[in-house]
Amino acid sequence: MNDQKNLKNKIDNQVKRIKKADQDRPNLLSQSVNLSSLVLVMLMPIIAGLYLGHWLDGMIEGYSMHWTLSLLFVGIVIGVLNVYFLIKD
């Protein structure tokens, strides 16, 4: 009799765990939000670097892309680090 109660309790606990795991499974909306936040933290430093570099190159006489390319590279590095630290947590 006691063995049957133990078995029933174990089965009930496993059923509860399975139902909870099924409810906690990510859906399409939550995955889309996660992906869009990753895209934003990657693209914002790149766009800011391009914009600032283009503006600084416009301040210099003649044709120059020195600041644009340099700050593009810095923006890419910062964007990759942002994604890494976001995924790491």
C-alpha atoms as a PDB file:
ATOM      1  CA  MET A   1       0.000   0.000   0.000  1.00  0.00           C
ATOM      2  CA  ASN A   2       2.802   2.399   0.925  1.00  0.00           C
ATOM      3  CA  ASP A   3       4.714   1.507  -2.259  1.00  0.00           C
ATOM      4  CA  GLN A   4       1.660   2.366  -4.337  1.00  0.00           C
ATOM      5  CA  LYS A   5       1.408   5.806  -2.685  1.00  0.00           C
ATOM      6  CA  ASN A   6       5.106   6.456  -3.335  1.00  0.00           C
ATOM      7  CA  LEU A   7       4.737   5.420  -6.960  1.00  0.00           C
ATOM      8  CA  LYS A   8       1.634   7.583  -7.374  1.00  0.00           C
ATOM      9  CA  ASN A   9       3.430  10.595  -5.834  1.00  0.00           C
ATOM     10  CA  LYS A  10       6.432  10.121  -8.135  1.00  0.00           C
ATOM     11  CA  ILE A  11       4.205   9.883 -11.195  1.00  0.00           C
ATOM     12  CA  ASP A  12       2.228  12.963 -10.122  1.00  0.00           C
ATOM     13  CA  ASN A  13       5.461  14.928  -9.650  1.00  0.00           C
ATOM     14  CA  GLN A  14       6.708  13.907 -13.080  1.00  0.00           C
ATOM     15  CA  VAL A  15       3.404  14.893 -14.699  1.00  0.00           C
ATOM     16  CA  LYS A  16       3.593  18.312 -13.004  1.00  0.00           C
ATOM     17  CA  ARG A  17       7.167  18.797 -14.216  1.00  0.00           C
ATOM     18  CA  ILE A  18       6.203  17.866 -17.777  1.00  0.00           C
ATOM     19  CA  LYS A  19       3.236  20.272 -17.773  1.00  0.00           C
ATOM     20  CA  LYS A  20       5.380  23.084 -16.348  1.00  0.00           C
ATOM     21  CA  ALA A  21       8.096  22.474 -18.962  1.00  0.00           C
ATOM     22  CA  ASP A  22       5.468  22.572 -21.712  1.00  0.00           C
ATOM     23  CA  GLN A  23       4.119  25.906 -20.446  1.00  0.00           C
ATOM     24  CA  ASP A  24       7.601  27.437 -20.138  1.00  0.00           C
ATOM     25  CA  ARG A  25       8.548  26.571 -23.709  1.00  0.00           C
ATOM     26  CA  PRO A  26       9.292  29.777 -25.674  1.00  0.00           C
ATOM     27  CA  ASN A  27       6.769  30.727 -28.308  1.00  0.00           C
ATOM     28  CA  LEU A  28       7.205  32.579 -31.605  1.00  0.00           C
ATOM     29  CA  LEU A  29       6.515  36.016 -30.121  1.00  0.00           C
ATOM     30  CA  SER A  30       9.106  35.727 -27.361  1.00  0.00           C
ATOM     31  CA  GLN A  31      11.694  34.402 -29.810  1.00  0.00           C
ATOM     32  CA  SER A  32      10.961  37.311 -32.176  1.00  0.00           C
ATOM     33  CA  VAL A  33      11.438  39.804 -29.345  1.00  0.00           C
ATOM     34  CA  ASN A  34      14.745  38.206 -28.390  1.00  0.00           C
ATOM     35  CA  LEU A  35      15.971  38.260 -31.982  1.00  0.00           C
ATOM     36  CA  SER A  36      14.943  41.880 -32.524  1.00  0.00           C
ATOM     37  CA  SER A  37      16.749  42.983 -29.355  1.00  0.00           C
ATOM     38  CA  LEU A  38      19.885  41.194 -30.571  1.00  0.00           C
ATOM     39  CA  VAL A  39      19.614  42.978 -33.913  1.00  0.00           C
ATOM     40  CA  LEU A  40      19.194  46.348 -32.211  1.00  0.00           C
ATOM     41  CA  VAL A  41      22.191  45.985 -29.903  1.00  0.00           C
ATOM     42  CA  MET A  42      24.270  44.914 -32.923  1.00  0.00           C
ATOM     43  CA  LEU A  43      23.152  47.561 -35.413  1.00  0.00           C
ATOM     44  CA  MET A  44      22.909  50.671 -33.244  1.00  0.00           C
ATOM     45  CA  PRO A  45      26.679  51.019 -32.585  1.00  0.00           C
ATOM     46  CA  ILE A  46      27.412  50.347 -36.262  1.00  0.00           C
ATOM     47  CA  ILE A  47      24.959  52.990 -37.467  1.00  0.00           C
ATOM     48  CA  ALA A  48      26.167  55.478 -34.848  1.00  0.00           C
ATOM     49  CA  GLY A  49      29.797  54.862 -35.882  1.00  0.00           C
ATOM     50  CA  LEU A  50      28.965  55.355 -39.562  1.00  0.00           C
ATOM     51  CA  TYR A  51      27.002  58.524 -38.896  1.00  0.00           C
ATOM     52  CA  LEU A  52      29.654  60.062 -36.627  1.00  0.00           C
ATOM     53  CA  GLY A  53      32.469  59.059 -38.986  1.00  0.00           C
ATOM     54  CA  HIS A  54      30.675  60.535 -41.999  1.00  0.00           C
ATOM     55  CA  TRP A  55      30.052  63.756 -40.086  1.00  0.00           C
ATOM     56  CA  LEU A  56      33.713  63.991 -39.015  1.00  0.00           C
ATOM     57  CA  ASP A  57      34.904  63.295 -42.571  1.00  0.00           C
ATOM     58  CA  GLY A  58      32.618  66.061 -43.807  1.00  0.00           C
ATOM     59  CA  MET A  59      34.375  68.503 -41.498  1.00  0.00           C
ATOM     60  CA  ILE A  60      37.715  67.785 -43.219  1.00  0.00           C
ATOM     61  CA  GLU A  61      38.485  69.439 -46.562  1.00  0.00           C
ATOM     62  CA  GLY A  62      38.727  67.127 -49.543  1.00  0.00           C
ATOM     63  CA  TYR A  63      37.561  63.555 -49.910  1.00  0.00           C
ATOM     64  CA  SER A  64      38.273  61.432 -46.856  1.00  0.00           C
ATOM     65  CA  MET A  65      36.868  58.203 -45.468  1.00  0.00           C
ATOM     66  CA  HIS A  66      39.344  57.772 -42.643  1.00  0.00           C
ATOM     67  CA  TRP A  67      36.905  58.463 -39.798  1.00  0.00           C
ATOM     68  CA  THR A  68      34.021  56.631 -41.430  1.00  0.00           C
ATOM     69  CA  LEU A  69      35.952  53.395 -41.861  1.00  0.00           C
ATOM     70  CA  SER A  70      37.609  53.640 -38.450  1.00  0.00           C
ATOM     71  CA  LEU A  71      34.376  54.249 -36.586  1.00  0.00           C
ATOM     72  CA  LEU A  72      32.610  51.577 -38.651  1.00  0.00           C
ATOM     73  CA  PHE A  73      35.161  49.059 -37.385  1.00  0.00           C
ATOM     74  CA  VAL A  74      34.755  50.333 -33.803  1.00  0.00           C
ATOM     75  CA  GLY A  75      30.950  50.059 -34.160  1.00  0.00           C
ATOM     76  CA  ILE A  76      31.226  46.463 -35.383  1.00  0.00           C
ATOM     77  CA  VAL A  77      33.470  45.521 -32.453  1.00  0.00           C
ATOM     78  CA  ILE A  78      31.129  47.181 -29.943  1.00  0.00           C
ATOM     79  CA  GLY A  79      28.083  45.547 -31.563  1.00  0.00           C
ATOM     80  CA  VAL A  80      29.623  42.083 -31.408  1.00  0.00           C
ATOM     81  CA  LEU A  81      30.590  42.619 -27.769  1.00  0.00           C
ATOM     82  CA  ASN A  82      27.040  43.801 -26.981  1.00  0.00           C
ATOM     83  CA  VAL A  83      25.569  40.640 -28.499  1.00  0.00           C
ATOM     84  CA  TYR A  84      28.086  38.460 -26.682  1.00  0.00           C
ATOM     85  CA  PHE A  85      27.320  40.000 -23.285  1.00  0.00           C
ATOM     86  CA  LEU A  86      23.552  39.872 -23.938  1.00  0.00           C
ATOM     87  CA  ILE A  87      23.674  36.179 -24.834  1.00  0.00           C
ATOM     88  CA  LYS A  88      26.100  35.378 -22.016  1.00  0.00           C
ATOM     89  CA  ASP A  89      23.631  36.524 -19.328  1.00  0.00           C
END
